């Protein structure tokens, strides 16, 4: 009986420690970096896990003119994007593994949900930017995004 009480007390202490450790440990921060399109520098939040990619920009209020989100995939593929839970329009650029823009969708509105947007060419990365960025900066298919 005494041994069982010691075991239960140790288990409660371990669970309490793990709870307090997780509650007060800083959460992982999504990596930030910069990318370049021509002479423009864009600060991007990197979405590289399945959970980060699924959430994307949903729930956010907007992007600054020099801000975006870079989706990083483990292999080349035809990745579809939608506007679920989005609150603002965006430009979406699909990039090959060397950073070449292979497709772009401009001024994609939240009203388009549940429509999917995808590239006909395989891509490794997808870059989401504020709506109108591509037009105002003359971004075209074939341009290079320096990652």
N, C-alpha and C. Protein backbone atom coordinates (compact mmCIF):
# COMPACT_ATOMS: atom_id res chain seq x y z
N UNK A 1 0.83 -1.19 0.00
CA UNK A 1 0.00 0.00 0.00
C UNK A 1 0.87 1.25 0.00
N UNK A 2 1.91 1.25 0.89
CA UNK A 2 2.79 2.42 0.97
C UNK A 2 3.53 2.65 -0.34
N UNK A 3 3.96 1.57 -1.01
CA UNK A 3 4.64 1.67 -2.30
C UNK A 3 3.73 2.26 -3.37
N UNK A 4 2.46 1.91 -3.34
CA UNK A 4 1.50 2.44 -4.31
C UNK A 4 1.31 3.94 -4.10
N UNK A 5 1.27 4.39 -2.84
CA UNK A 5 1.11 5.82 -2.55
C UNK A 5 2.32 6.61 -3.03
N UNK A 6 3.49 6.05 -2.86
CA UNK A 6 4.71 6.71 -3.33
C UNK A 6 4.67 6.81 -4.86
N UNK A 7 4.25 5.74 -5.52
CA UNK A 7 4.14 5.74 -6.98
C UNK A 7 3.14 6.80 -7.46
N UNK A 8 1.99 6.87 -6.81
CA UNK A 8 0.96 7.85 -7.18
C UNK A 8 1.48 9.27 -6.95
N UNK A 9 2.15 9.50 -5.83
CA UNK A 9 2.69 10.83 -5.54
C UNK A 9 3.74 11.23 -6.59
N UNK A 10 4.58 10.27 -6.97
CA UNK A 10 5.61 10.56 -7.99
C UNK A 10 4.96 10.87 -9.33
N UNK A 11 3.91 10.14 -9.68
CA UNK A 11 3.22 10.38 -10.94
C UNK A 11 2.56 11.75 -10.94
N UNK A 12 1.94 12.13 -9.83
CA UNK A 12 1.32 13.46 -9.73
C UNK A 12 2.38 14.55 -9.85
N UNK A 13 3.52 14.35 -9.21
CA UNK A 13 4.60 15.33 -9.29
C UNK A 13 5.11 15.46 -10.72
N UNK A 14 5.26 14.35 -11.41
CA UNK A 14 5.75 14.39 -12.79
C UNK A 14 4.76 15.10 -13.70
N UNK A 15 3.48 14.79 -13.58
CA UNK A 15 2.47 15.43 -14.39
C UNK A 15 2.42 16.93 -14.08
N UNK A 16 2.52 17.30 -12.82
CA UNK A 16 2.51 18.73 -12.44
C UNK A 16 3.71 19.45 -13.04
N UNK A 17 4.88 18.82 -13.00
CA UNK A 17 6.07 19.43 -13.57
C UNK A 17 5.90 19.65 -15.07
N UNK A 18 5.41 18.62 -15.78
CA UNK A 18 5.22 18.76 -17.22
C UNK A 18 4.21 19.84 -17.56
N UNK A 19 3.14 19.94 -16.79
CA UNK A 19 2.14 20.97 -17.03
C UNK A 19 2.75 22.36 -16.83
N UNK A 20 3.44 22.56 -15.72
CA UNK A 20 4.04 23.87 -15.45
C UNK A 20 5.13 24.19 -16.47
N UNK A 21 5.92 23.20 -16.86
CA UNK A 21 6.98 23.42 -17.85
C UNK A 21 6.37 23.86 -19.18
N UNK A 22 5.32 23.17 -19.61
CA UNK A 22 4.71 23.54 -20.90
C UNK A 22 4.00 24.88 -20.82
N UNK A 23 3.44 25.22 -19.68
CA UNK A 23 2.71 26.49 -19.53
C UNK A 23 3.65 27.69 -19.56
N UNK A 24 4.87 27.52 -19.06
CA UNK A 24 5.78 28.65 -18.95
C UNK A 24 6.95 28.61 -19.92
N UNK A 25 7.00 27.61 -20.78
CA UNK A 25 8.04 27.53 -21.79
C UNK A 25 7.58 28.31 -23.01
N UNK A 26 8.44 29.20 -23.55
CA UNK A 26 8.03 29.94 -24.75
C UNK A 26 7.66 28.98 -25.87
N UNK A 27 6.59 29.29 -26.56
CA UNK A 27 6.14 28.46 -27.68
C UNK A 27 7.05 28.70 -28.88
N UNK A 28 7.13 27.70 -29.74
CA UNK A 28 7.94 27.83 -30.94
C UNK A 28 7.41 28.98 -31.80
N UNK A 29 8.32 29.74 -32.33
CA UNK A 29 7.96 30.85 -33.19
C UNK A 29 8.17 30.42 -34.63
N UNK A 30 7.20 30.71 -35.48
CA UNK A 30 7.35 30.40 -36.90
C UNK A 30 8.53 31.20 -37.42
N UNK A 31 9.45 30.56 -38.14
CA UNK A 31 10.65 31.26 -38.60
C UNK A 31 10.31 32.44 -39.52
N UNK A 32 11.07 33.51 -39.37
CA UNK A 32 10.95 34.67 -40.24
C UNK A 32 12.21 34.78 -41.07
N UNK A 33 12.05 35.21 -42.31
CA UNK A 33 13.20 35.44 -43.17
C UNK A 33 12.81 36.45 -44.21
N UNK A 34 13.72 36.76 -45.10
CA UNK A 34 13.40 37.68 -46.19
C UNK A 34 13.61 36.97 -47.52
N UNK A 35 12.81 37.39 -48.50
CA UNK A 35 12.99 36.94 -49.87
C UNK A 35 13.05 38.20 -50.73
N UNK A 36 13.55 38.06 -51.95
CA UNK A 36 13.70 39.21 -52.84
C UNK A 36 13.07 38.91 -54.19
N UNK A 37 12.28 39.85 -54.66
CA UNK A 37 11.75 39.80 -56.02
C UNK A 37 12.24 41.08 -56.68
N UNK A 38 13.16 40.92 -57.62
CA UNK A 38 13.79 42.11 -58.21
C UNK A 38 14.50 42.89 -57.12
N UNK A 39 14.22 44.18 -57.03
CA UNK A 39 14.86 45.02 -56.01
C UNK A 39 14.05 45.10 -54.72
N UNK A 40 12.91 44.41 -54.67
CA UNK A 40 12.04 44.46 -53.50
C UNK A 40 12.39 43.37 -52.49
N UNK A 41 12.39 43.74 -51.21
CA UNK A 41 12.61 42.80 -50.13
C UNK A 41 11.30 42.57 -49.41
N UNK A 42 10.98 41.32 -49.16
CA UNK A 42 9.74 40.96 -48.50
C UNK A 42 10.08 40.14 -47.26
N UNK A 43 9.51 40.54 -46.13
CA UNK A 43 9.65 39.76 -44.89
C UNK A 43 8.57 38.69 -44.92
N UNK A 44 8.99 37.44 -44.79
CA UNK A 44 8.03 36.35 -44.86
C UNK A 44 8.02 35.52 -43.57
N UNK A 45 6.84 35.07 -43.24
CA UNK A 45 6.67 34.04 -42.23
C UNK A 45 6.73 32.73 -42.99
N UNK A 46 7.49 31.79 -42.48
CA UNK A 46 7.68 30.52 -43.17
C UNK A 46 6.73 29.47 -42.60
N UNK A 47 5.95 28.86 -43.47
CA UNK A 47 5.05 27.76 -43.09
C UNK A 47 5.64 26.48 -43.68
N UNK A 48 6.24 25.65 -42.82
CA UNK A 48 6.91 24.48 -43.34
C UNK A 48 6.38 23.16 -42.80
N UNK A 49 5.58 23.20 -41.73
CA UNK A 49 4.98 21.96 -41.24
C UNK A 49 3.57 21.84 -41.82
N UNK A 50 3.01 20.64 -41.86
CA UNK A 50 1.64 20.50 -42.36
C UNK A 50 0.64 21.39 -41.60
N UNK A 51 0.81 21.52 -40.30
CA UNK A 51 -0.10 22.36 -39.51
C UNK A 51 0.04 23.83 -39.87
N UNK A 52 1.28 24.31 -40.02
CA UNK A 52 1.50 25.71 -40.40
C UNK A 52 0.96 25.98 -41.80
N UNK A 53 1.17 25.04 -42.70
CA UNK A 53 0.68 25.23 -44.07
C UNK A 53 -0.84 25.23 -44.11
N UNK A 54 -1.47 24.37 -43.31
CA UNK A 54 -2.93 24.32 -43.31
C UNK A 54 -3.53 25.61 -42.76
N UNK A 55 -2.93 26.17 -41.72
CA UNK A 55 -3.45 27.41 -41.15
C UNK A 55 -3.17 28.60 -42.05
N UNK A 56 -1.97 28.68 -42.58
CA UNK A 56 -1.60 29.78 -43.47
C UNK A 56 -1.89 31.14 -42.86
N UNK A 57 -2.51 32.00 -43.63
CA UNK A 57 -2.83 33.36 -43.17
C UNK A 57 -4.25 33.47 -42.61
N UNK A 58 -4.95 32.36 -42.50
CA UNK A 58 -6.33 32.42 -42.02
C UNK A 58 -6.38 33.01 -40.61
N UNK A 59 -7.38 33.85 -40.41
CA UNK A 59 -7.56 34.49 -39.12
C UNK A 59 -6.79 35.78 -38.95
N UNK A 60 -5.81 36.05 -39.79
CA UNK A 60 -5.05 37.31 -39.68
C UNK A 60 -5.84 38.45 -40.29
N UNK A 61 -5.52 39.66 -39.88
CA UNK A 61 -6.24 40.84 -40.35
C UNK A 61 -5.70 41.39 -41.67
N UNK A 62 -4.45 41.08 -42.00
CA UNK A 62 -3.88 41.59 -43.23
C UNK A 62 -2.38 41.41 -43.26
N UNK A 63 -1.78 41.94 -44.31
CA UNK A 63 -0.33 41.92 -44.51
C UNK A 63 0.15 43.34 -44.79
N UNK A 64 1.32 43.68 -44.30
CA UNK A 64 1.96 44.94 -44.67
C UNK A 64 2.39 44.83 -46.14
N UNK A 65 2.67 45.95 -46.76
CA UNK A 65 3.03 45.94 -48.19
C UNK A 65 4.32 45.18 -48.47
N UNK A 66 5.18 45.01 -47.46
CA UNK A 66 6.44 44.30 -47.64
C UNK A 66 6.46 42.99 -46.86
N UNK A 67 5.30 42.39 -46.71
CA UNK A 67 5.17 41.19 -45.89
C UNK A 67 4.46 40.08 -46.66
N UNK A 68 4.80 38.82 -46.35
CA UNK A 68 4.14 37.69 -46.99
C UNK A 68 4.28 36.43 -46.17
N UNK A 69 3.79 35.34 -46.73
CA UNK A 69 3.97 34.03 -46.13
C UNK A 69 4.50 33.09 -47.19
N UNK A 70 5.58 32.39 -46.84
CA UNK A 70 6.22 31.44 -47.74
C UNK A 70 5.91 30.02 -47.27
N UNK A 71 5.25 29.26 -48.14
CA UNK A 71 4.92 27.87 -47.86
C UNK A 71 6.01 27.01 -48.47
N UNK A 72 6.62 26.16 -47.65
CA UNK A 72 7.71 25.31 -48.08
C UNK A 72 7.22 23.86 -48.07
N UNK A 73 7.33 23.20 -49.21
CA UNK A 73 6.89 21.82 -49.33
C UNK A 73 8.10 20.91 -49.48
N UNK A 74 8.00 19.66 -49.03
CA UNK A 74 9.15 18.76 -49.08
C UNK A 74 9.50 18.28 -50.48
N UNK A 75 8.54 18.30 -51.40
CA UNK A 75 8.79 17.85 -52.77
C UNK A 75 8.03 18.75 -53.74
N UNK A 76 8.42 18.71 -55.00
CA UNK A 76 7.68 19.44 -56.03
C UNK A 76 6.30 18.81 -56.17
N UNK A 77 5.30 19.65 -56.42
CA UNK A 77 3.94 19.13 -56.59
C UNK A 77 3.01 20.22 -57.06
N UNK A 78 1.77 19.86 -57.29
CA UNK A 78 0.73 20.81 -57.68
C UNK A 78 -0.13 21.07 -56.45
N UNK A 79 0.24 22.10 -55.70
CA UNK A 79 -0.38 22.39 -54.42
C UNK A 79 -1.53 23.37 -54.58
N UNK A 80 -2.68 22.98 -54.03
CA UNK A 80 -3.89 23.80 -54.12
C UNK A 80 -4.04 24.67 -52.87
N UNK A 81 -4.54 25.88 -53.09
CA UNK A 81 -4.77 26.83 -52.00
C UNK A 81 -6.21 27.31 -52.07
N UNK A 82 -6.77 27.59 -50.91
CA UNK A 82 -8.12 28.14 -50.83
C UNK A 82 -8.11 29.30 -49.86
N UNK A 83 -9.23 29.96 -49.73
CA UNK A 83 -9.31 31.18 -48.91
C UNK A 83 -10.13 30.96 -47.64
N UNK A 84 -10.09 29.74 -47.10
CA UNK A 84 -10.84 29.43 -45.89
C UNK A 84 -10.39 30.32 -44.73
N UNK A 85 -11.36 30.95 -44.08
CA UNK A 85 -11.14 31.81 -42.91
C UNK A 85 -10.23 33.00 -43.19
N UNK A 86 -10.09 33.37 -44.46
CA UNK A 86 -9.30 34.55 -44.80
C UNK A 86 -10.16 35.80 -44.65
N UNK A 87 -9.50 36.92 -44.31
CA UNK A 87 -10.19 38.19 -44.09
C UNK A 87 -9.77 39.26 -45.09
N UNK A 88 -8.88 38.91 -46.01
CA UNK A 88 -8.37 39.90 -46.96
C UNK A 88 -7.91 39.18 -48.22
N UNK A 89 -7.82 39.92 -49.30
CA UNK A 89 -7.40 39.36 -50.59
C UNK A 89 -5.88 39.29 -50.66
N UNK A 90 -5.39 38.37 -51.49
CA UNK A 90 -3.95 38.17 -51.64
C UNK A 90 -3.60 37.86 -53.09
N UNK A 91 -2.31 37.99 -53.39
CA UNK A 91 -1.71 37.45 -54.60
C UNK A 91 -1.01 36.15 -54.19
N UNK A 92 -1.10 35.12 -55.03
CA UNK A 92 -0.47 33.83 -54.73
C UNK A 92 0.50 33.50 -55.85
N UNK A 93 1.77 33.24 -55.50
CA UNK A 93 2.81 32.90 -56.48
C UNK A 93 3.30 31.49 -56.21
N UNK A 94 3.30 30.64 -57.23
CA UNK A 94 3.85 29.30 -57.13
C UNK A 94 5.26 29.35 -57.69
N UNK A 95 6.22 28.79 -56.95
CA UNK A 95 7.64 28.87 -57.32
C UNK A 95 8.23 27.48 -57.48
N UNK A 96 9.08 27.32 -58.49
CA UNK A 96 9.81 26.07 -58.66
C UNK A 96 10.90 25.98 -57.58
N UNK A 97 11.60 24.86 -57.56
CA UNK A 97 12.63 24.66 -56.54
C UNK A 97 13.77 25.67 -56.64
N UNK A 98 13.97 26.29 -57.81
CA UNK A 98 15.02 27.31 -57.95
C UNK A 98 14.48 28.73 -57.78
N UNK A 99 13.20 28.86 -57.39
CA UNK A 99 12.62 30.17 -57.14
C UNK A 99 11.95 30.83 -58.33
N UNK A 100 11.89 30.16 -59.47
CA UNK A 100 11.22 30.73 -60.64
C UNK A 100 9.71 30.70 -60.43
N UNK A 101 9.06 31.82 -60.72
CA UNK A 101 7.61 31.88 -60.62
C UNK A 101 7.03 31.10 -61.79
N UNK A 102 6.26 30.03 -61.47
CA UNK A 102 5.68 29.19 -62.51
C UNK A 102 4.19 29.48 -62.73
N UNK A 103 3.58 30.15 -61.77
CA UNK A 103 2.16 30.50 -61.89
C UNK A 103 1.86 31.57 -60.85
N UNK A 104 0.87 32.42 -61.16
CA UNK A 104 0.41 33.36 -60.15
C UNK A 104 -1.08 33.61 -60.29
N UNK A 105 -1.71 33.85 -59.16
CA UNK A 105 -3.12 34.20 -59.10
C UNK A 105 -3.19 35.54 -58.37
N UNK A 106 -3.81 36.52 -59.01
CA UNK A 106 -3.82 37.88 -58.45
C UNK A 106 -5.18 38.24 -57.86
N UNK A 107 -5.10 39.03 -56.78
CA UNK A 107 -6.30 39.57 -56.12
C UNK A 107 -7.32 38.48 -55.79
N UNK A 108 -6.85 37.41 -55.18
CA UNK A 108 -7.73 36.31 -54.79
C UNK A 108 -8.47 36.73 -53.53
N UNK A 109 -9.78 36.75 -53.63
CA UNK A 109 -10.65 37.27 -52.57
C UNK A 109 -11.13 36.16 -51.64
N UNK A 110 -11.38 36.49 -50.37
CA UNK A 110 -11.98 35.51 -49.46
C UNK A 110 -13.33 34.99 -49.97
N UNK A 111 -14.01 35.78 -50.78
CA UNK A 111 -15.31 35.38 -51.33
C UNK A 111 -15.21 34.18 -52.27
N UNK A 112 -13.99 33.84 -52.70
CA UNK A 112 -13.83 32.72 -53.62
C UNK A 112 -13.92 31.36 -52.92
N UNK A 113 -13.84 31.34 -51.59
CA UNK A 113 -13.92 30.07 -50.86
C UNK A 113 -15.26 29.40 -51.15
N UNK A 114 -15.31 28.14 -51.50
CA UNK A 114 -14.32 27.07 -51.32
C UNK A 114 -13.51 26.73 -52.58
N UNK A 115 -13.49 27.61 -53.55
CA UNK A 115 -12.71 27.36 -54.77
C UNK A 115 -11.24 27.16 -54.43
N UNK A 116 -10.60 26.23 -55.14
CA UNK A 116 -9.15 25.98 -55.00
C UNK A 116 -8.40 26.68 -56.11
N UNK A 117 -7.20 27.14 -55.79
CA UNK A 117 -6.30 27.75 -56.77
C UNK A 117 -5.05 26.90 -56.80
N UNK A 118 -4.61 26.54 -57.99
CA UNK A 118 -3.42 25.70 -58.11
C UNK A 118 -2.68 26.05 -59.39
N UNK A 119 -1.45 25.61 -59.45
CA UNK A 119 -0.62 25.81 -60.63
C UNK A 119 -0.68 24.57 -61.50
N UNK A 120 -0.63 24.77 -62.82
CA UNK A 120 -0.56 23.62 -63.71
C UNK A 120 0.85 23.05 -63.75
N UNK A 121 1.82 23.83 -63.31
CA UNK A 121 3.22 23.37 -63.24
C UNK A 121 3.54 23.01 -61.79
N UNK A 122 4.42 22.04 -61.63
CA UNK A 122 4.85 21.65 -60.29
C UNK A 122 5.59 22.80 -59.62
N UNK A 123 5.40 22.92 -58.33
CA UNK A 123 6.05 23.96 -57.54
C UNK A 123 6.60 23.35 -56.26
N UNK A 124 7.61 23.98 -55.68
CA UNK A 124 8.16 23.57 -54.39
C UNK A 124 7.74 24.54 -53.30
N UNK A 125 7.51 25.80 -53.70
CA UNK A 125 7.17 26.87 -52.76
C UNK A 125 5.94 27.61 -53.26
N UNK A 126 5.22 28.19 -52.33
CA UNK A 126 4.13 29.10 -52.67
C UNK A 126 4.32 30.33 -51.80
N UNK A 127 4.22 31.51 -52.42
CA UNK A 127 4.40 32.77 -51.72
C UNK A 127 3.10 33.55 -51.79
N UNK A 128 2.55 33.88 -50.62
CA UNK A 128 1.35 34.70 -50.56
C UNK A 128 1.75 36.13 -50.19
N UNK A 129 1.22 37.08 -50.95
CA UNK A 129 1.56 38.49 -50.81
C UNK A 129 0.29 39.31 -50.75
N UNK A 130 0.37 40.57 -50.31
CA UNK A 130 -0.82 41.42 -50.31
C UNK A 130 -1.40 41.54 -51.73
N UNK A 131 -2.72 41.60 -51.82
CA UNK A 131 -3.38 41.76 -53.12
C UNK A 131 -2.85 43.01 -53.81
N UNK A 132 -2.57 42.87 -55.09
CA UNK A 132 -2.06 43.98 -55.89
C UNK A 132 -0.56 44.07 -55.94
N UNK A 133 0.14 43.28 -55.13
CA UNK A 133 1.60 43.33 -55.11
C UNK A 133 2.18 43.00 -56.48
N UNK A 134 1.70 41.92 -57.09
CA UNK A 134 2.25 41.49 -58.38
C UNK A 134 2.07 42.58 -59.44
N UNK A 135 0.88 43.16 -59.51
CA UNK A 135 0.62 44.19 -60.52
C UNK A 135 1.45 45.45 -60.25
N UNK A 136 1.51 45.90 -59.02
CA UNK A 136 2.21 47.15 -58.73
C UNK A 136 3.73 47.01 -58.83
N UNK A 137 4.25 45.79 -58.73
CA UNK A 137 5.69 45.57 -58.84
C UNK A 137 6.08 44.84 -60.13
N UNK A 138 5.13 44.74 -61.06
CA UNK A 138 5.36 44.12 -62.37
C UNK A 138 5.93 42.71 -62.26
N UNK A 139 5.42 41.93 -61.31
CA UNK A 139 5.85 40.56 -61.12
C UNK A 139 5.15 39.68 -62.16
N UNK A 140 5.92 38.84 -62.83
CA UNK A 140 5.41 38.00 -63.91
C UNK A 140 5.90 36.55 -63.76
N UNK A 141 5.19 35.64 -64.41
CA UNK A 141 5.66 34.26 -64.53
C UNK A 141 7.03 34.31 -65.20
N UNK A 142 7.98 33.53 -64.68
CA UNK A 142 9.35 33.52 -65.20
C UNK A 142 10.31 34.35 -64.37
N UNK A 143 9.78 35.31 -63.57
CA UNK A 143 10.64 36.06 -62.66
C UNK A 143 11.20 35.13 -61.59
N UNK A 144 12.31 35.54 -61.00
CA UNK A 144 12.96 34.75 -59.97
C UNK A 144 12.72 35.39 -58.60
N UNK A 145 12.33 34.56 -57.64
CA UNK A 145 12.25 34.98 -56.24
C UNK A 145 13.49 34.40 -55.57
N UNK A 146 14.32 35.27 -55.02
CA UNK A 146 15.53 34.82 -54.34
C UNK A 146 15.15 34.44 -52.91
N UNK A 147 15.27 33.15 -52.65
CA UNK A 147 14.86 32.61 -51.35
C UNK A 147 16.01 32.62 -50.36
